[in-house]
C-alpha atoms as a PDB file:
ATOM      1  CA  MET A   1      14.028 -36.839   5.207  1.00  0.00           C
ATOM      2  CA  LEU A   2      11.191 -35.128   7.213  1.00  0.00           C
ATOM      3  CA  LEU A   3       8.920 -34.724   4.679  1.00  0.00           C
ATOM      4  CA  GLU A   4       8.869 -37.842   2.657  1.00  0.00           C
ATOM      5  CA  GLY A   5       5.963 -38.609   0.757  1.00  0.00           C
ATOM      6  CA  LYS A   6       4.258 -35.549   1.481  1.00  0.00           C
ATOM      7  CA  ALA A   7       2.724 -33.024  -1.052  1.00  0.00           C
ATOM      8  CA  ALA A   8       3.242 -29.503  -0.373  1.00  0.00           C
ATOM      9  CA  VAL A   9       2.722 -25.836  -1.748  1.00  0.00           C
ATOM     10  CA  VAL A  10       4.439 -23.200  -1.140  1.00  0.00           C
ATOM     11  CA  THR A  11       3.400 -19.390  -2.334  1.00  0.00           C
ATOM     12  CA  GLY A  12       5.791 -16.881  -3.170  1.00  0.00           C
ATOM     13  CA  ALA A  13       7.868 -19.660  -3.986  1.00  0.00           C
ATOM     14  CA  GLY A  14       9.637 -17.552  -6.422  1.00  0.00           C
ATOM     15  CA  SER A  15      11.684 -15.843  -4.300  1.00  0.00           C
ATOM     16  CA  GLY A  16      13.088 -15.120  -0.389  1.00  0.00           C
ATOM     17  CA  VAL A  17      11.700 -17.091   2.531  1.00  0.00           C
ATOM     18  CA  GLY A  18       9.484 -19.223  -0.155  1.00  0.00           C
ATOM     19  CA  ALA A  19      12.561 -20.205  -2.342  1.00  0.00           C
ATOM     20  CA  ALA A  20      14.295 -21.338   0.843  1.00  0.00           C
ATOM     21  CA  SER A  21      11.456 -23.051   1.973  1.00  0.00           C
ATOM     22  CA  ALA A  22      10.426 -24.960  -1.157  1.00  0.00           C
ATOM     23  CA  ARG A  23      14.037 -26.169  -1.584  1.00  0.00           C
ATOM     24  CA  ARG A  24      14.310 -27.148   1.972  1.00  0.00           C
ATOM     25  CA  PHE A  25      10.737 -29.074   1.560  1.00  0.00           C
ATOM     26  CA  ALA A  26      11.779 -30.842  -1.496  1.00  0.00           C
ATOM     27  CA  ALA A  27      15.641 -31.751   0.173  1.00  0.00           C
ATOM     28  CA  GLU A  28      13.024 -33.240   2.919  1.00  0.00           C
ATOM     29  CA  GLY A  29      11.659 -35.352   0.515  1.00  0.00           C
ATOM     30  CA  ALA A  30       8.262 -33.604  -0.044  1.00  0.00           C
ATOM     31  CA  ARG A  31       6.814 -32.951  -3.737  1.00  0.00           C
ATOM     32  CA  VAL A  32       6.340 -29.304  -3.946  1.00  0.00           C
ATOM     33  CA  LEU A  33       4.107 -27.011  -6.066  1.00  0.00           C
ATOM     34  CA  CYS A  34       6.424 -23.582  -6.472  1.00  0.00           C
ATOM     35  CA  ALA A  35       3.587 -20.930  -6.783  1.00  0.00           C
ATOM     36  CA  ASP A  36       4.719 -17.061  -7.093  1.00  0.00           C
ATOM     37  CA  ILE A  37       2.915 -14.492  -8.805  1.00  0.00           C
ATOM     38  CA  ASN A  38       6.049 -14.004 -11.676  1.00  0.00           C
ATOM     39  CA  PRO A  39       6.083 -17.742 -13.279  1.00  0.00           C
ATOM     40  CA  ASP A  40       9.683 -16.929 -14.459  1.00  0.00           C
ATOM     41  CA  SER A  41      10.556 -16.679 -10.857  1.00  0.00           C
ATOM     42  CA  ALA A  42       8.501 -20.047  -9.858  1.00  0.00           C
ATOM     43  CA  ARG A  43       9.719 -21.957 -12.949  1.00  0.00           C
ATOM     44  CA  GLU A  44      13.429 -20.889 -11.572  1.00  0.00           C
ATOM     45  CA  THR A  45      12.657 -22.442  -7.983  1.00  0.00           C
ATOM     46  CA  ALA A  46      11.080 -25.497  -9.334  1.00  0.00           C
ATOM     47  CA  ASP A  47      13.984 -26.188 -11.869  1.00  0.00           C
ATOM     48  CA  SER A  48      16.941 -25.655  -9.257  1.00  0.00           C
ATOM     49  CA  ILE A  49      14.569 -28.084  -7.085  1.00  0.00           C
ATOM     50  CA  GLU A  50      14.365 -30.818 -10.143  1.00  0.00           C
ATOM     51  CA  SER A  51      17.945 -29.855 -11.028  1.00  0.00           C
ATOM     52  CA  THR A  52      19.160 -31.341  -7.569  1.00  0.00           C
ATOM     53  CA  GLY A  53      16.631 -34.481  -7.613  1.00  0.00           C
ATOM     54  CA  GLY A  54      13.965 -33.354  -6.478  1.00  0.00           C
ATOM     55  CA  THR A  55      10.138 -33.078  -7.374  1.00  0.00           C
ATOM     56  CA  ALA A  56       9.037 -29.697  -8.335  1.00  0.00           C
ATOM     57  CA  PHE A  57       6.339 -27.630 -10.351  1.00  0.00           C
ATOM     58  CA  PRO A  58       5.353 -24.257 -10.927  1.00  0.00           C
ATOM     59  CA  VAL A  59       2.543 -22.622 -11.135  1.00  0.00           C
ATOM     60  CA  ALA A  60       1.489 -19.137 -12.019  1.00  0.00           C
ATOM     61  CA  CYS A  61      -0.826 -17.513  -8.788  1.00  0.00           C
ATOM     62  CA  ASP A  62      -2.011 -14.601  -7.467  1.00  0.00           C
ATOM     63  CA  VAL A  63      -3.347 -15.199  -3.809  1.00  0.00           C
ATOM     64  CA  ALA A  64      -5.493 -12.274  -3.511  1.00  0.00           C
ATOM     65  CA  ASP A  65      -7.370 -13.922  -5.950  1.00  0.00           C
ATOM     66  CA  GLU A  66      -9.623 -16.894  -4.789  1.00  0.00           C
ATOM     67  CA  ALA A  67      -9.937 -18.726  -8.119  1.00  0.00           C
ATOM     68  CA  ASP A  68      -6.527 -18.503  -8.484  1.00  0.00           C
ATOM     69  CA  VAL A  69      -5.835 -20.257  -5.451  1.00  0.00           C
ATOM     70  CA  VAL A  70      -8.312 -22.725  -6.129  1.00  0.00           C
ATOM     71  CA  MET A  71      -6.338 -23.185  -9.496  1.00  0.00           C
ATOM     72  CA  MET A  72      -3.426 -23.429  -7.080  1.00  0.00           C
ATOM     73  CA  LEU A  73      -4.782 -26.423  -5.022  1.00  0.00           C
ATOM     74  CA  ARG A  74      -6.096 -28.351  -7.564  1.00  0.00           C
ATOM     75  CA  ALA A  75      -3.233 -28.330  -9.497  1.00  0.00           C
ATOM     76  CA  ALA A  76      -1.503 -29.587  -6.794  1.00  0.00           C
ATOM     77  CA  VAL A  77      -3.751 -32.463  -6.293  1.00  0.00           C
ATOM     78  CA  ASP A  78      -4.055 -33.148  -9.914  1.00  0.00           C
ATOM     79  CA  ARG A  79      -0.384 -33.826 -10.042  1.00  0.00           C
ATOM     80  CA  PHE A  80       0.536 -35.296  -6.704  1.00  0.00           C
ATOM     81  CA  GLY A  81      -2.834 -37.015  -5.987  1.00  0.00           C
ATOM     82  CA  ARG A  82      -3.459 -35.459  -2.329  1.00  0.00           C
ATOM     83  CA  LEU A  83      -2.244 -32.314  -0.698  1.00  0.00           C
ATOM     84  CA  ASP A  84      -0.436 -32.652   2.680  1.00  0.00           C
ATOM     85  CA  ILE A  85       0.878 -28.745   3.487  1.00  0.00           C
ATOM     86  CA  VAL A  86       0.232 -25.640   2.277  1.00  0.00           C
ATOM     87  CA  PHE A  87       2.484 -22.762   3.425  1.00  0.00           C
ATOM     88  CA  ASN A  88       0.893 -19.197   2.617  1.00  0.00           C
ATOM     89  CA  ASN A  89       4.027 -17.353   2.570  1.00  0.00           C
ATOM     90  CA  VAL A  90       2.986 -14.189   0.154  1.00  0.00           C
ATOM     91  CA  GLY A  91       2.805 -10.908   1.879  1.00  0.00           C
ATOM     92  CA  VAL A  92       3.649  -7.828   0.564  1.00  0.00           C
ATOM     93  CA  PRO A  93       5.058  -4.448   2.681  1.00  0.00           C
ATOM     94  CA  THR A  94       4.417  -1.374   3.161  1.00  0.00           C
ATOM     95  CA  PRO A  95       4.550   0.321  -0.177  1.00  0.00           C
ATOM     96  CA  ARG A  96       6.691   3.309   0.882  1.00  0.00           C
ATOM     97  CA  LEU A  97       9.229   1.728   3.720  1.00  0.00           C
ATOM     98  CA  GLY A  98       8.891   4.446   6.619  1.00  0.00           C
ATOM     99  CA  ALA A  99       5.499   6.040   5.740  1.00  0.00           C
ATOM    100  CA  SER A 100       3.059   6.774   8.695  1.00  0.00           C
ATOM    101  CA  LEU A 101      -0.376   6.089   9.148  1.00  0.00           C
ATOM    102  CA  GLU A 102      -1.793   9.244   7.435  1.00  0.00           C
ATOM    103  CA  GLU A 103       0.580   8.448   4.564  1.00  0.00           C
ATOM    104  CA  HIS A 104      -1.457   5.341   3.479  1.00  0.00           C
ATOM    105  CA  THR A 105      -3.746   6.033   1.199  1.00  0.00           C
ATOM    106  CA  VAL A 106      -6.907   3.677   0.460  1.00  0.00           C
ATOM    107  CA  SER A 107      -5.123   1.742  -2.271  1.00  0.00           C
ATOM    108  CA  ASP A 108      -2.544   1.170   0.037  1.00  0.00           C
ATOM    109  CA  PHE A 109      -4.743  -0.415   2.565  1.00  0.00           C
ATOM    110  CA  GLN A 110      -6.761  -2.153   0.379  1.00  0.00           C
ATOM    111  CA  ARG A 111      -3.458  -3.897  -1.206  1.00  0.00           C
ATOM    112  CA  LEU A 112      -1.863  -4.787   2.002  1.00  0.00           C
ATOM    113  CA  PHE A 113      -5.001  -6.368   3.224  1.00  0.00           C
ATOM    114  CA  ALA A 114      -5.992  -8.023   0.014  1.00  0.00           C
ATOM    115  CA  VAL A 115      -2.706  -9.620  -0.165  1.00  0.00           C
ATOM    116  CA  ASN A 116      -1.242 -10.284   3.556  1.00  0.00           C
ATOM    117  CA  VAL A 117      -4.874 -11.332   4.642  1.00  0.00           C
ATOM    118  CA  GLY A 118      -7.079 -12.133   1.569  1.00  0.00           C
ATOM    119  CA  GLY A 119      -4.267 -14.576   0.106  1.00  0.00           C
ATOM    120  CA  ALA A 120      -4.062 -16.281   3.723  1.00  0.00           C
ATOM    121  CA  PHE A 121      -7.727 -16.385   4.181  1.00  0.00           C
ATOM    122  CA  PHE A 122      -8.361 -17.815   0.828  1.00  0.00           C
ATOM    123  CA  GLY A 123      -5.254 -20.394   1.030  1.00  0.00           C
ATOM    124  CA  CYS A 124      -6.467 -21.591   4.513  1.00  0.00           C
ATOM    125  CA  LYS A 125      -9.757 -22.294   3.967  1.00  0.00           C
ATOM    126  CA  HIS A 126      -9.444 -24.223   0.280  1.00  0.00           C
ATOM    127  CA  ALA A 127      -6.373 -26.008   2.093  1.00  0.00           C
ATOM    128  CA  VAL A 128      -9.075 -27.098   4.842  1.00  0.00           C
ATOM    129  CA  ILE A 129     -11.683 -28.230   2.337  1.00  0.00           C
ATOM    130  CA  GLN A 130      -9.115 -30.244   0.621  1.00  0.00           C
ATOM    131  CA  PHE A 131      -7.789 -31.854   3.662  1.00  0.00           C
ATOM    132  CA  LYS A 132     -11.844 -32.834   4.362  1.00  0.00           C
ATOM    133  CA  ARG A 133     -12.789 -33.805   1.259  1.00  0.00           C
ATOM    134  CA  GLN A 134      -9.413 -36.524   1.445  1.00  0.00           C
ATOM    135  CA  GLN A 135     -10.402 -37.048   5.530  1.00  0.00           C
ATOM    136  CA  THR A 136      -6.962 -37.034   6.298  1.00  0.00           C
ATOM    137  CA  SER A 137      -5.000 -34.445   8.506  1.00  0.00           C
ATOM    138  CA  GLY A 138      -2.895 -31.606   7.133  1.00  0.00           C
ATOM    139  CA  VAL A 139      -0.864 -28.540   7.748  1.00  0.00           C
ATOM    140  CA  ILE A 140      -0.999 -25.099   7.272  1.00  0.00           C
ATOM    141  CA  LEU A 141       1.653 -22.585   8.152  1.00  0.00           C
ATOM    142  CA  ASN A 142       1.366 -18.835   7.293  1.00  0.00           C
ATOM    143  CA  THR A 143       4.245 -16.127   7.174  1.00  0.00           C
ATOM    144  CA  GLY A 144       3.214 -14.131   9.867  1.00  0.00           C
ATOM    145  CA  SER A 145       5.660 -11.032  11.347  1.00  0.00           C
ATOM    146  CA  VAL A 146       7.283  -9.458  14.621  1.00  0.00           C
ATOM    147  CA  ASP A 147       5.046  -6.519  13.231  1.00  0.00           C
ATOM    148  CA  GLY A 148       1.764  -8.069  14.041  1.00  0.00           C
ATOM    149  CA  LEU A 149       3.150  -9.383  17.652  1.00  0.00           C
ATOM    150  CA  VAL A 150       4.530  -5.804  18.682  1.00  0.00           C
ATOM    151  CA  ALA A 151       4.279  -1.708  17.033  1.00  0.00           C
ATOM    152  CA  TRP A 152       7.645  -1.959  15.343  1.00  0.00           C
ATOM    153  CA  GLY A 153       6.772  -1.615  11.271  1.00  0.00           C
ATOM    154  CA  GLY A 154       4.268   0.294   9.881  1.00  0.00           C
ATOM    155  CA  ALA A 155       0.692   0.589  11.359  1.00  0.00           C
ATOM    156  CA  VAL A 156      -1.374  -0.455   8.233  1.00  0.00           C
ATOM    157  CA  TYR A 157       1.277  -3.776   7.714  1.00  0.00           C
ATOM    158  CA  GLY A 158       1.618  -4.689  11.413  1.00  0.00           C
ATOM    159  CA  ALA A 159      -2.472  -4.667  11.654  1.00  0.00           C
ATOM    160  CA  THR A 160      -2.920  -7.196   8.163  1.00  0.00           C
ATOM    161  CA  LYS A 161       0.028  -9.248  10.581  1.00  0.00           C
ATOM    162  CA  GLY A 162      -2.298  -8.854  13.497  1.00  0.00           C
ATOM    163  CA  ALA A 163      -5.191 -10.147  11.250  1.00  0.00           C
ATOM    164  CA  LEU A 164      -3.264 -12.938   9.833  1.00  0.00           C
ATOM    165  CA  HIS A 165      -1.987 -14.479  13.363  1.00  0.00           C
ATOM    166  CA  GLN A 166      -5.409 -14.232  14.605  1.00  0.00           C
ATOM    167  CA  LEU A 167      -6.311 -16.152  11.592  1.00  0.00           C
ATOM    168  CA  THR A 168      -4.283 -18.881  11.906  1.00  0.00           C
ATOM    169  CA  ARG A 169      -5.086 -19.554  15.744  1.00  0.00           C
ATOM    170  CA  ALA A 170      -8.993 -19.561  14.944  1.00  0.00           C
ATOM    171  CA  VAL A 171      -7.873 -22.182  11.790  1.00  0.00           C
ATOM    172  CA  ALA A 172      -6.115 -24.333  14.506  1.00  0.00           C
ATOM    173  CA  ILE A 173      -8.831 -24.386  16.936  1.00  0.00           C
ATOM    174  CA  GLU A 174     -11.723 -25.045  14.613  1.00  0.00           C
ATOM    175  CA  GLY A 175      -8.940 -27.720  12.211  1.00  0.00           C
ATOM    176  CA  ALA A 176      -8.502 -29.305  15.614  1.00  0.00           C
ATOM    177  CA  PRO A 177     -10.889 -32.419  15.743  1.00  0.00           C
ATOM    178  CA  PHE A 178      -9.774 -33.470  12.101  1.00  0.00           C
ATOM    179  CA  GLY A 179      -6.346 -33.516  12.752  1.00  0.00           C
ATOM    180  CA  ILE A 180      -5.375 -29.829  10.572  1.00  0.00           C
ATOM    181  CA  ARG A 181      -2.728 -27.780  12.324  1.00  0.00           C
ATOM    182  CA  ALA A 182      -2.193 -24.256  11.505  1.00  0.00           C
ATOM    183  CA  ASN A 183       0.900 -22.093  13.040  1.00  0.00           C
ATOM    184  CA  ALA A 184       2.425 -19.108  11.935  1.00  0.00           C
ATOM    185  CA  ILE A 185       6.100 -18.227  11.888  1.00  0.00           C
ATOM    186  CA  CYS A 186       7.127 -14.330  12.384  1.00  0.00           C
ATOM    187  CA  PRO A 187      10.423 -13.022  11.232  1.00  0.00           C
ATOM    188  CA  ALA A 188      11.940  -9.254  11.913  1.00  0.00           C
ATOM    189  CA  GLY A 189      13.849  -7.942   9.616  1.00  0.00           C
ATOM    190  CA  MET A 190      14.994  -9.600   6.533  1.00  0.00           C
ATOM    191  CA  PRO A 191      17.210  -7.241   4.579  1.00  0.00           C
ATOM    192  CA  TYR A 192      18.638  -9.572   2.037  1.00  0.00           C
ATOM    193  CA  THR A 193      15.232 -10.527   0.495  1.00  0.00           C
ATOM    194  CA  ASN A 194      13.466  -9.012  -2.413  1.00  0.00           C
ATOM    195  CA  PHE A 195      10.485  -8.025   0.455  1.00  0.00           C
ATOM    196  CA  MET A 196      12.429  -4.801   0.879  1.00  0.00           C
ATOM    197  CA  ALA A 197      13.059  -4.086  -2.643  1.00  0.00           C
ATOM    198  CA  ALA A 198       9.206  -4.023  -2.911  1.00  0.00           C
ATOM    199  CA  GLY A 199       8.906  -1.286   0.430  1.00  0.00           C
ATOM    200  CA  GLY A 200      11.428   1.060  -2.087  1.00  0.00           C
ATOM    201  CA  ALA A 201      14.686   0.419  -0.028  1.00  0.00           C
ATOM    202  CA  ASP A 202      17.579   0.908  -2.217  1.00  0.00           C
ATOM    203  CA  MET A 203      19.399  -2.929  -2.586  1.00  0.00           C
ATOM    204  CA  THR A 204      22.835  -2.105  -3.610  1.00  0.00           C
ATOM    205  CA  ALA A 205      25.291  -3.944  -1.574  1.00  0.00           C
ATOM    206  CA  GLU A 206      25.903  -0.953   0.470  1.00  0.00           C
ATOM    207  CA  SER A 207      22.580  -0.324   1.653  1.00  0.00           C
ATOM    208  CA  ILE A 208      21.865  -4.198   2.425  1.00  0.00           C
ATOM    209  CA  ALA A 209      24.984  -4.285   4.628  1.00  0.00           C
ATOM    210  CA  ARG A 210      23.720  -1.043   6.751  1.00  0.00           C
ATOM    211  CA  ILE A 211      19.920  -2.625   6.640  1.00  0.00           C
ATOM    212  CA  ALA A 212      21.653  -5.668   7.628  1.00  0.00           C
ATOM    213  CA  ARG A 213      23.617  -3.764  10.712  1.00  0.00           C
ATOM    214  CA  HIS A 214      20.588  -1.699  11.818  1.00  0.00           C
ATOM    215  CA  THR A 215      18.723  -5.244  12.524  1.00  0.00           C
ATOM    216  CA  ALA A 216      20.922  -6.542  13.543  1.00  0.00           C
ATOM    217  CA  ALA A 217      21.842  -4.396  16.285  1.00  0.00           C
ATOM    218  CA  ARG A 218      17.915  -4.448  17.328  1.00  0.00           C
ATOM    219  CA  HIS A 219      18.242  -7.961  17.963  1.00  0.00           C
ATOM    220  CA  PRO A 220      19.353  -9.577  21.083  1.00  0.00           C
ATOM    221  CA  LEU A 221      21.400 -12.259  19.413  1.00  0.00           C
ATOM    222  CA  GLY A 222      23.075  -9.359  17.182  1.00  0.00           C
ATOM    223  CA  ARG A 223      22.530 -11.380  13.759  1.00  0.00           C
ATOM    224  CA  PRO A 224      19.890 -10.221  10.900  1.00  0.00           C
ATOM    225  CA  ILE A 225      17.204 -13.093  10.069  1.00  0.00           C
ATOM    226  CA  THR A 226      17.619 -14.556   6.908  1.00  0.00           C
ATOM    227  CA  ALA A 227      14.971 -16.717   4.784  1.00  0.00           C
ATOM    228  CA  GLN A 228      17.139 -20.202   5.625  1.00  0.00           C
ATOM    229  CA  ASP A 229      16.346 -18.981   9.180  1.00  0.00           C
ATOM    230  CA  CYS A 230      12.741 -18.887   8.230  1.00  0.00           C
ATOM    231  CA  ALA A 231      12.790 -22.141   5.834  1.00  0.00           C
ATOM    232  CA  GLU A 232      14.500 -24.021   8.906  1.00  0.00           C
ATOM    233  CA  ALA A 233      11.572 -22.992  11.370  1.00  0.00           C
ATOM    234  CA  ALA A 234       9.312 -23.838   8.038  1.00  0.00           C
ATOM    235  CA  VAL A 235      10.347 -27.853   7.611  1.00  0.00           C
ATOM    236  CA  PHE A 236       9.984 -28.218  11.238  1.00  0.00           C
ATOM    237  CA  LEU A 237       6.516 -26.822  11.869  1.00  0.00           C
ATOM    238  CA  VAL A 238       4.961 -28.803   9.005  1.00  0.00           C
ATOM    239  CA  SER A 239       6.528 -32.299  10.019  1.00  0.00           C
ATOM    240  CA  ASP A 240       5.511 -34.627  12.309  1.00  0.00           C
ATOM    241  CA  ARG A 241       7.965 -33.912  14.421  1.00  0.00           C
ATOM    242  CA  ALA A 242       5.849 -30.821  15.795  1.00  0.00           C
ATOM    243  CA  ALA A 243       2.508 -33.233  15.635  1.00  0.00           C
ATOM    244  CA  ASP A 244       1.496 -31.595  18.478  1.00  0.00           C
ATOM    245  CA  ILE A 245       2.439 -27.800  17.768  1.00  0.00           C
ATOM    246  CA  THR A 246      -0.924 -25.994  16.582  1.00  0.00           C
ATOM    247  CA  GLY A 247      -1.847 -22.244  17.131  1.00  0.00           C
ATOM    248  CA  ALA A 248       1.599 -21.526  17.497  1.00  0.00           C
ATOM    249  CA  LEU A 249       3.247 -17.723  16.497  1.00  0.00           C
ATOM    250  CA  VAL A 250       6.721 -18.225  16.599  1.00  0.00           C
ATOM    251  CA  PRO A 251       8.765 -15.326  16.425  1.00  0.00           C
ATOM    252  CA  ILE A 252      12.229 -15.994  14.040  1.00  0.00           C
ATOM    253  CA  ASP A 253      13.421 -12.484  15.922  1.00  0.00           C
ATOM    254  CA  GLY A 254      17.176 -12.800  17.156  1.00  0.00           C
ATOM    255  CA  GLY A 255      15.047 -12.606  20.649  1.00  0.00           C
ATOM    256  CA  TYR A 256      13.785  -9.361  20.239  1.00  0.00           C
ATOM    257  CA  VAL A 257      10.233  -9.949  21.160  1.00  0.00           C
ATOM    258  CA  ALA A 258      11.933 -11.684  24.622  1.00  0.00           C
ATOM    259  CA  GLY A 259      13.229  -8.270  25.103  1.00  0.00           C
END
């Protein structure tokens, strides 16, 4: 029960890394607000947690809208009485996987930055405000990407994750005097999540298997990364066992960056 009694918010909790992490947080004793732009998906995750004896409730939230983020965090405080953990997990991919820099439109650029950077900025900003209001420590976790550590993915997508990484480190330094920690997980290639589908990938079983083989071949450990891999790292980083870890960008990449 690494998170017993903690109040946590997970964005993008309707699928993929967010859903896996919300379930793991709850399994470790946290009370979880499951936020997603799709209210039905958020409700499905919350219901699955409640059905196994955990505590969760869903909220619809567009993280690119600051008012929505403020509402989301207020809902958590109203329901749980406090806030301990904010996992800014939402991200959107390059609209067309494999698109080159010059193929990106202005709207592509603006949406990628609005969600991937803006959403994390709003989440970090208002988490810090709430932690200071409570006069307690708190933990922020962001979902970055290996694409922001090396030039592996699309140029604009990678730039958004690079910005998110720098934001994470800055929040860690500014928050340290107040006991506020901030870290990021940096996954590499998760063929089994809706993230790939959002980029236009064919999500048939045959296609997923092909993408998984391709991804695994690029990782020294030889395995594709799963949402559960990310959730396990997330649980540790938001727990008190990681009490002296802040400002870290943690690759979950089968050794790709090391190679």
